[in-house]
Amino acid sequence: MQQLSDQDKELLRDSATRFFNEQMPVSAMREIRDQQHPDGFSREMWAGMAGMGWSGILVAEQLGGLALGHASMGIIMEASGRTLAASPLLSTAVLGANLVQKLATPEQRDSLLEKIISGELLCALAIEEHRRHCPNAIATTAEETSDGFVLNGSKNFVLDGHVADRLIVLARTSGAHEDCSGLSLFIVDAKTSGITIERAHMVDGRNAAKIRFDNVVCANACLLGEKDNAFETLDQCLDFARAAISAEMLGSISEAFDRTIEYLKLRTQFDVPIGSFQALKHRAAEMFCEIELTRSAVLEAQNALDEAHESSARLVSLAKAKASSTFERVSNEALQMHGGIGMTDAEEIGLFLKRARVAQQIFGDYEFHRDRYARLSGF
């Protein structure tokens, strides 16, 4: 993995910020939402991201990627969060790319990884089965046959599931309902007979789907990694995604805060800016402190992943928990400080509150990661 210099990181940050501000501003997300775009994102913009190498940032150089690490992906995710950009970065460039490069056979890598890096192939990880994140509570089954497996079950909140070319499905091949053992991953063509995909329109404009598997026949070549032993690698790749979504949340938090501070300077009452009121100054100062603490937690998690540190899972849970609580607080405060106009769709600040509510739930909310942090810390 390459270690970027501080100067290179700033160049990457400037490039990502310019791309999202100019090509994918909040107004572009609004347009996609209002037009009920069938994909929910711009394939032209996704091709542009792939052309800049972003879809291969976490892929090893010998496999055709850039191997720039999680801190570099975090820079891009943070910039995307500032404009609420819709793209398959999380589902394909983070989860799909990592699961394939870590678990796939050489034949599977040859057929999939190059297309993922080029932006040609989209992936979606289908794991969630409950209202809250619980990756080991899996009822979907994969019954082994003489020449493959048969999948039965359903998944919800599958990010980018309605546009994915390949579904990476977690299914139980042995063990009890909540056992971490006995879980296997399968990579399946989304057009396979027996798969029913229903797009779920999320309140924040994010793309997701509900997917049902009815006697879906999979060849042995669909098995991704070892049978019954997928959970450890899956959990590691989920941490990659948790760090990435935490960085995206940090970007959205920072943008909501910056917009609020600007509004406090412009909005007047009693012939003075409302930002001069002491109570609002205190609330803004508290938000600033929480954001900086969140930034530290997110950066520490990214660095731990890049260094493969033994505490990386614990630090990722700290980052996701902190980002979730801070995003809720800042989005609430931002809406309140904007007053009545903040409740209208004409004012963009409300879009950040909606994004907060959905992003908090992705791959574990505050309560999930607080509990996980405690368990990983020995409590």
Protein backbone atom coordinates (compact mmCIF):
# COMPACT_ATOMS: atom_id res chain seq x y z
CA MET A 1 0.00 0.00 0.00
CA GLN A 2 1.33 3.39 -0.98
CA GLN A 3 1.66 6.10 1.65
CA LEU A 4 0.68 9.46 0.23
CA SER A 5 2.58 12.52 1.37
CA ASP A 6 0.66 15.38 2.98
CA GLN A 7 1.04 17.31 -0.27
CA ASP A 8 -0.40 14.44 -2.31
CA LYS A 9 -3.31 14.13 0.12
CA GLU A 10 -4.08 17.81 -0.33
CA LEU A 11 -3.98 17.41 -4.09
CA LEU A 12 -6.40 14.48 -3.84
CA ARG A 13 -8.65 16.51 -1.52
CA ASP A 14 -8.65 19.48 -3.90
CA SER A 15 -9.40 17.25 -6.87
CA ALA A 16 -12.26 15.47 -5.10
CA THR A 17 -13.73 18.70 -3.73
CA ARG A 18 -13.63 20.34 -7.14
CA PHE A 19 -15.21 17.31 -8.83
CA PHE A 20 -18.14 17.04 -6.44
CA ASN A 21 -18.74 20.79 -6.21
CA GLU A 22 -18.70 21.27 -9.97
CA GLN A 23 -20.07 17.98 -11.28
CA MET A 24 -22.23 16.61 -8.44
CA PRO A 25 -23.53 19.49 -6.28
CA VAL A 26 -26.57 19.12 -4.03
CA SER A 27 -28.70 20.46 -6.89
CA ALA A 28 -27.71 17.40 -8.98
CA MET A 29 -28.95 15.08 -6.23
CA ARG A 30 -32.21 17.07 -6.14
CA GLU A 31 -32.62 16.71 -9.90
CA ILE A 32 -32.10 12.94 -9.77
CA ARG A 33 -34.61 12.70 -6.93
CA ASP A 34 -37.24 14.94 -8.50
CA GLN A 35 -37.02 13.21 -11.88
CA GLN A 36 -37.26 9.80 -10.19
CA HIS A 37 -34.17 8.73 -12.09
CA PRO A 38 -34.32 4.93 -12.64
CA ASP A 39 -30.71 4.41 -11.56
CA GLY A 40 -30.66 6.99 -8.78
CA PHE A 41 -27.21 8.21 -9.82
CA SER A 42 -25.41 9.48 -12.92
CA ARG A 43 -23.55 6.76 -14.79
CA GLU A 44 -21.62 9.48 -16.59
CA MET A 45 -20.33 10.81 -13.27
CA TRP A 46 -19.52 7.27 -12.10
CA ALA A 47 -17.48 6.75 -15.27
CA GLY A 48 -15.65 9.97 -14.42
CA MET A 49 -14.83 8.70 -10.93
CA ALA A 50 -13.58 5.41 -12.33
CA GLY A 51 -11.52 7.32 -14.89
CA MET A 52 -9.75 9.12 -12.03
CA GLY A 53 -8.97 5.76 -10.44
CA TRP A 54 -11.26 6.12 -7.44
CA SER A 55 -12.94 2.76 -8.00
CA GLY A 56 -9.54 1.05 -7.59
CA ILE A 57 -8.14 3.01 -4.65
CA LEU A 58 -8.43 0.05 -2.28
CA VAL A 59 -7.29 -2.60 -4.78
CA ALA A 60 -3.72 -3.91 -4.71
CA GLU A 61 -1.37 -2.69 -7.46
CA GLN A 62 -0.64 -6.22 -8.67
CA LEU A 63 -4.38 -6.61 -9.27
CA GLY A 64 -4.64 -3.40 -11.27
CA GLY A 65 -5.57 -0.97 -8.50
CA LEU A 66 -3.91 2.08 -6.96
CA ALA A 67 -3.54 0.72 -3.39
CA LEU A 68 -3.78 4.20 -1.86
CA GLY A 69 -5.50 3.01 1.31
CA HIS A 70 -8.43 3.91 3.50
CA ALA A 71 -7.27 7.42 4.40
CA SER A 72 -7.29 8.28 0.69
CA MET A 73 -10.73 6.74 0.19
CA GLY A 74 -11.85 8.72 3.23
CA ILE A 75 -10.81 11.96 1.57
CA ILE A 76 -13.03 11.17 -1.42
CA MET A 77 -15.94 10.00 0.73
CA GLU A 78 -15.75 13.14 2.85
CA ALA A 79 -15.87 15.33 -0.25
CA SER A 80 -18.87 13.35 -1.56
CA GLY A 81 -20.65 13.80 1.76
CA ARG A 82 -20.49 17.57 1.46
CA THR A 83 -22.68 17.50 -1.65
CA LEU A 84 -24.78 14.44 -0.71
CA ALA A 85 -23.55 12.85 -3.94
CA ALA A 86 -25.15 9.60 -5.07
CA SER A 87 -22.69 7.04 -6.43
CA PRO A 88 -21.71 3.34 -6.09
CA LEU A 89 -18.47 4.23 -4.28
CA LEU A 90 -19.46 2.48 -1.04
CA SER A 91 -21.18 -0.57 -2.52
CA THR A 92 -18.76 -1.24 -5.37
CA ALA A 93 -15.40 0.48 -4.77
CA VAL A 94 -15.25 -0.31 -1.05
CA LEU A 95 -17.28 -3.48 -0.44
CA GLY A 96 -17.39 -5.19 -3.82
CA ALA A 97 -13.73 -4.58 -4.67
CA ASN A 98 -12.46 -5.71 -1.28
CA LEU A 99 -14.59 -8.83 -0.98
CA VAL A 100 -13.56 -9.94 -4.45
CA GLN A 101 -9.85 -9.31 -4.00
CA LYS A 102 -9.80 -10.98 -0.58
CA LEU A 103 -12.01 -14.02 -1.22
CA ALA A 104 -12.24 -14.67 -4.95
CA THR A 105 -10.43 -17.42 -6.79
CA PRO A 106 -7.98 -16.30 -9.51
CA GLU A 107 -10.63 -17.14 -12.11
CA GLN A 108 -13.24 -15.03 -10.30
CA ARG A 109 -10.82 -12.13 -9.93
CA ASP A 110 -9.96 -12.25 -13.62
CA SER A 111 -13.61 -12.03 -14.60
CA LEU A 112 -14.69 -9.42 -12.05
CA LEU A 113 -11.99 -7.17 -10.63
CA GLU A 114 -10.88 -5.44 -13.83
CA LYS A 115 -14.50 -4.56 -14.62
CA ILE A 116 -15.05 -3.25 -11.08
CA ILE A 117 -11.99 -1.01 -11.34
CA SER A 118 -13.03 0.28 -14.76
CA GLY A 119 -16.49 1.13 -13.44
CA GLU A 120 -18.17 -1.29 -15.83
CA LEU A 121 -19.40 -3.71 -13.15
CA LEU A 122 -21.51 -2.67 -10.15
CA CYS A 123 -21.80 -4.76 -6.99
CA ALA A 124 -24.16 -4.82 -4.03
CA LEU A 125 -23.70 -6.61 -0.71
CA ALA A 126 -26.91 -8.30 0.45
CA ILE A 127 -26.66 -9.04 4.17
CA GLU A 128 -29.33 -7.14 6.12
CA GLU A 129 -32.43 -9.11 7.14
CA HIS A 130 -33.67 -7.16 10.14
CA ARG A 131 -34.66 -3.60 11.00
CA ARG A 132 -31.29 -3.07 12.67
CA HIS A 133 -27.83 -4.15 11.59
CA CYS A 134 -26.95 -7.64 12.79
CA PRO A 135 -24.63 -9.29 10.24
CA ASN A 136 -24.55 -12.70 11.92
CA ALA A 137 -28.35 -13.07 12.30
CA ILE A 138 -28.94 -14.71 8.94
CA ALA A 139 -31.98 -16.77 7.99
CA THR A 140 -31.30 -16.87 4.24
CA THR A 141 -30.17 -20.38 3.39
CA ALA A 142 -27.89 -21.90 0.77
CA GLU A 143 -28.65 -25.59 0.47
CA GLU A 144 -25.84 -27.57 -1.12
CA THR A 145 -26.66 -29.78 -4.09
CA SER A 146 -24.58 -32.14 -6.20
CA ASP A 147 -23.41 -29.31 -8.50
CA GLY A 148 -23.90 -26.10 -6.51
CA PHE A 149 -26.29 -24.40 -4.10
CA VAL A 150 -29.90 -23.23 -3.93
CA LEU A 151 -30.54 -19.85 -2.25
CA ASN A 152 -33.76 -19.02 -0.42
CA GLY A 153 -34.55 -15.98 1.70
CA SER A 154 -34.82 -12.21 1.56
CA LYS A 155 -32.66 -9.15 2.18
CA ASN A 156 -33.51 -5.53 2.83
CA PHE A 157 -31.61 -2.23 2.70
CA VAL A 158 -29.27 -3.54 -0.01
CA LEU A 159 -27.27 -0.48 -1.06
CA ASP A 160 -27.43 -0.03 -4.85
CA GLY A 161 -29.15 -3.39 -5.12
CA HIS A 162 -31.48 -2.23 -7.90
CA VAL A 163 -28.58 -1.34 -10.25
CA ALA A 164 -26.06 -4.03 -9.31
CA ASP A 165 -24.75 -6.40 -11.95
CA ARG A 166 -23.56 -8.81 -9.26
CA LEU A 167 -25.08 -9.46 -5.84
CA ILE A 168 -22.78 -10.64 -3.06
CA VAL A 169 -25.13 -12.60 -0.85
CA LEU A 170 -24.54 -13.77 2.72
CA ALA A 171 -26.34 -17.04 3.39
CA ARG A 172 -26.32 -19.71 6.05
CA THR A 173 -24.88 -23.04 4.99
CA SER A 174 -24.76 -24.52 8.50
CA GLY A 175 -25.16 -23.60 12.16
CA ALA A 176 -27.85 -21.85 14.19
CA HIS A 177 -29.56 -18.55 13.36
CA GLU A 178 -27.07 -16.15 15.01
CA ASP A 179 -23.89 -18.22 14.78
CA CYS A 180 -20.94 -16.45 13.20
CA SER A 181 -19.79 -19.80 11.88
CA GLY A 182 -21.68 -21.53 9.11
CA LEU A 183 -22.00 -18.40 6.95
CA SER A 184 -20.97 -18.32 3.29
CA LEU A 185 -20.83 -15.64 0.59
CA PHE A 186 -22.04 -16.11 -2.96
CA ILE A 187 -21.57 -13.78 -5.91
CA VAL A 188 -24.60 -14.06 -8.15
CA ASP A 189 -25.67 -12.45 -11.40
CA ALA A 190 -28.53 -10.10 -10.48
CA LYS A 191 -30.54 -11.37 -13.47
CA THR A 192 -30.53 -14.99 -12.31
CA SER A 193 -33.93 -16.66 -12.33
CA GLY A 194 -35.66 -16.57 -8.94
CA ILE A 195 -34.26 -13.19 -7.87
CA THR A 196 -36.84 -10.44 -7.30
CA ILE A 197 -35.53 -6.91 -6.79
CA GLU A 198 -37.70 -4.06 -5.53
CA ARG A 199 -36.19 -0.60 -5.36
CA ALA A 200 -36.63 1.16 -2.01
CA HIS A 201 -36.88 4.95 -2.27
CA MET A 202 -34.97 6.24 0.74
CA VAL A 203 -35.92 9.53 2.40
CA ASP A 204 -32.43 10.95 1.82
CA GLY A 205 -32.19 10.01 -1.86
CA ARG A 206 -29.77 7.14 -1.22
CA ASN A 207 -30.17 4.03 -3.38
CA ALA A 208 -31.27 0.75 -1.83
CA ALA A 209 -33.41 -2.28 -2.61
CA LYS A 210 -35.33 -5.21 -1.14
CA ILE A 211 -34.32 -8.52 -2.69
CA ARG A 212 -35.92 -11.94 -2.52
CA PHE A 213 -34.31 -15.26 -3.47
CA ASP A 214 -36.70 -18.06 -4.41
CA ASN A 215 -34.91 -21.31 -5.22
CA VAL A 216 -32.06 -19.47 -6.91
CA VAL A 217 -29.69 -22.02 -8.41
CA CYS A 218 -26.00 -21.16 -8.04
CA ALA A 219 -23.09 -23.12 -9.45
CA ASN A 220 -20.13 -23.99 -7.24
CA ALA A 221 -18.23 -21.20 -9.03
CA CYS A 222 -20.55 -18.68 -7.32
CA LEU A 223 -19.13 -19.48 -3.89
CA LEU A 224 -16.91 -16.60 -2.76
CA GLY A 225 -14.26 -17.88 -0.39
CA GLU A 226 -14.58 -20.96 1.81
CA LYS A 227 -17.93 -22.50 2.63
CA ASP A 228 -19.03 -21.83 6.24
CA ASN A 229 -16.11 -19.46 6.93
CA ALA A 230 -17.06 -16.11 5.41
CA PHE A 231 -17.84 -14.08 8.53
CA GLU A 232 -14.34 -13.03 9.63
CA THR A 233 -13.41 -11.59 6.22
CA LEU A 234 -16.88 -10.12 5.78
CA ASP A 235 -16.63 -8.33 9.13
CA GLN A 236 -13.23 -6.93 8.14
CA CYS A 237 -14.64 -5.61 4.86
CA LEU A 238 -17.65 -4.20 6.70
CA ASP A 239 -15.17 -2.24 8.81
CA PHE A 240 -13.73 -0.81 5.60
CA ALA A 241 -17.24 0.31 4.68
CA ARG A 242 -17.96 1.63 8.17
CA ALA A 243 -14.83 3.78 8.04
CA ALA A 244 -15.83 5.03 4.58
CA ILE A 245 -19.40 5.91 5.56
CA SER A 246 -18.07 7.62 8.69
CA ALA A 247 -15.89 9.80 6.46
CA GLU A 248 -18.88 10.58 4.24
CA MET A 249 -20.88 11.51 7.34
CA LEU A 250 -18.05 13.77 8.49
CA GLY A 251 -18.25 15.61 5.17
CA SER A 252 -22.01 16.08 5.49
CA ILE A 253 -21.66 17.18 9.12
CA SER A 254 -19.01 19.75 8.20
CA GLU A 255 -21.08 21.12 5.32
CA ALA A 256 -24.22 21.42 7.47
CA PHE A 257 -22.21 23.25 10.12
CA ASP A 258 -20.57 25.62 7.62
CA ARG A 259 -23.94 26.46 6.07
CA THR A 260 -25.41 27.12 9.50
CA ILE A 261 -22.59 29.45 10.53
CA GLU A 262 -23.02 31.38 7.28
CA TYR A 263 -26.76 31.66 7.91
CA LEU A 264 -26.14 32.96 11.45
CA LYS A 265 -24.03 35.73 9.96
CA LEU A 266 -26.68 36.74 7.40
CA ARG A 267 -30.00 36.34 9.25
CA THR A 268 -30.88 39.40 11.34
CA GLN A 269 -33.22 40.07 14.24
CA PHE A 270 -33.49 43.39 16.06
CA ASP A 271 -31.21 44.80 13.36
CA VAL A 272 -28.27 42.53 14.31
CA PRO A 273 -27.08 39.15 12.97
CA ILE A 274 -28.50 36.30 15.03
CA GLY A 275 -24.99 34.90 15.21
CA SER A 276 -24.21 37.65 17.71
CA PHE A 277 -26.62 36.13 20.24
CA GLN A 278 -24.68 34.49 23.04
CA ALA A 279 -26.90 31.40 23.25
CA LEU A 280 -26.37 30.62 19.57
CA LYS A 281 -22.64 31.22 19.91
CA HIS A 282 -22.48 28.64 22.68
CA ARG A 283 -24.42 26.07 20.65
CA ALA A 284 -22.20 26.67 17.62
CA ALA A 285 -19.06 26.32 19.74
CA GLU A 286 -20.28 23.01 21.14
CA MET A 287 -21.01 21.73 17.63
CA PHE A 288 -17.53 22.73 16.49
CA CYS A 289 -15.94 20.77 19.35
CA GLU A 290 -18.01 17.67 18.58
CA ILE A 291 -17.08 17.86 14.89
CA GLU A 292 -13.37 18.05 15.67
CA LEU A 293 -13.64 15.05 18.00
CA THR A 294 -15.43 13.18 15.23
CA ARG A 295 -12.74 14.12 12.73
CA SER A 296 -10.06 12.74 15.06
CA ALA A 297 -11.95 9.47 15.53
CA VAL A 298 -12.49 9.01 11.77
CA LEU A 299 -8.85 9.73 10.90
CA GLU A 300 -7.62 7.38 13.63
CA ALA A 301 -9.83 4.58 12.29
CA GLN A 302 -8.59 5.09 8.74
CA ASN A 303 -4.96 5.08 9.82
CA ALA A 304 -5.48 1.95 11.91
CA LEU A 305 -6.97 0.14 8.90
CA ASP A 306 -4.10 1.24 6.67
CA GLU A 307 -1.60 -0.04 9.22
CA ALA A 308 -3.60 -3.25 9.86
CA HIS A 309 -3.44 -2.39 13.56
CA GLU A 310 -4.90 -4.91 16.00
CA SER A 311 -7.24 -2.24 17.41
CA SER A 312 -8.65 -1.24 14.01
CA ALA A 313 -12.08 -2.86 14.54
CA ARG A 314 -12.53 -1.12 17.87
CA LEU A 315 -11.46 2.25 16.44
CA VAL A 316 -13.81 1.84 13.47
CA SER A 317 -16.72 1.27 15.85
CA LEU A 318 -15.67 4.35 17.82
CA ALA A 319 -15.64 6.40 14.62
CA LYS A 320 -19.03 5.16 13.41
CA ALA A 321 -20.65 5.68 16.80
CA LYS A 322 -19.21 9.18 17.14
CA ALA A 323 -20.12 10.16 13.57
CA SER A 324 -23.68 8.91 14.13
CA SER A 325 -24.23 10.89 17.34
CA THR A 326 -22.55 14.03 15.99
CA PHE A 327 -24.48 13.95 12.71
CA GLU A 328 -27.77 13.67 14.59
CA ARG A 329 -26.89 16.59 16.86
CA VAL A 330 -25.51 18.89 14.16
CA SER A 331 -28.35 18.20 11.71
CA ASN A 332 -30.91 18.89 14.45
CA GLU A 333 -29.18 22.10 15.50
CA ALA A 334 -28.72 23.23 11.91
CA LEU A 335 -32.43 22.84 11.21
CA GLN A 336 -33.42 24.66 14.39
CA MET A 337 -31.05 27.55 13.78
CA HIS A 338 -32.39 28.00 10.27
CA GLY A 339 -35.87 28.30 11.73
CA GLY A 340 -39.05 27.66 9.76
CA ILE A 341 -37.37 27.90 6.35
CA GLY A 342 -35.18 24.95 7.30
CA MET A 343 -38.27 22.74 7.31
CA THR A 344 -39.07 23.52 3.67
CA ASP A 345 -37.75 21.55 0.71
CA ALA A 346 -36.61 24.82 -0.87
CA GLU A 347 -33.87 25.10 1.77
CA GLU A 348 -31.15 22.47 1.36
CA ILE A 349 -30.29 22.17 5.06
CA GLY A 350 -33.20 19.79 5.57
CA LEU A 351 -31.63 17.36 3.12
CA PHE A 352 -28.69 16.95 5.50
CA LEU A 353 -31.02 15.98 8.35
CA LYS A 354 -32.60 13.33 6.12
CA ARG A 355 -29.17 12.02 5.14
CA ALA A 356 -28.22 11.84 8.81
CA ARG A 357 -31.14 9.60 9.67
CA VAL A 358 -30.29 7.08 6.96
CA ALA A 359 -26.49 7.19 7.27
CA GLN A 360 -26.72 6.50 10.99
CA GLN A 361 -28.26 3.10 10.24
CA ILE A 362 -25.80 1.93 7.58
CA PHE A 363 -23.76 -1.03 8.86
CA GLY A 364 -24.59 -0.31 12.48
CA ASP A 365 -25.99 2.66 14.38
CA TYR A 366 -24.71 4.32 17.56
CA GLU A 367 -26.08 1.62 19.86
CA PHE A 368 -24.65 -1.23 17.77
CA HIS A 369 -21.15 0.26 17.69
CA ARG A 370 -21.18 1.38 21.32
CA ASP A 371 -21.91 -2.25 22.26
CA ARG A 372 -19.32 -3.58 19.81
CA TYR A 373 -16.68 -1.13 21.09
CA ALA A 374 -17.33 -2.29 24.64
CA ARG A 375 -17.08 -5.99 23.70
CA LEU A 376 -13.87 -5.44 21.75
CA SER A 377 -12.47 -3.56 24.74
CA GLY A 378 -13.09 -6.54 27.01
CA PHE A 379 -16.26 -5.43 28.78
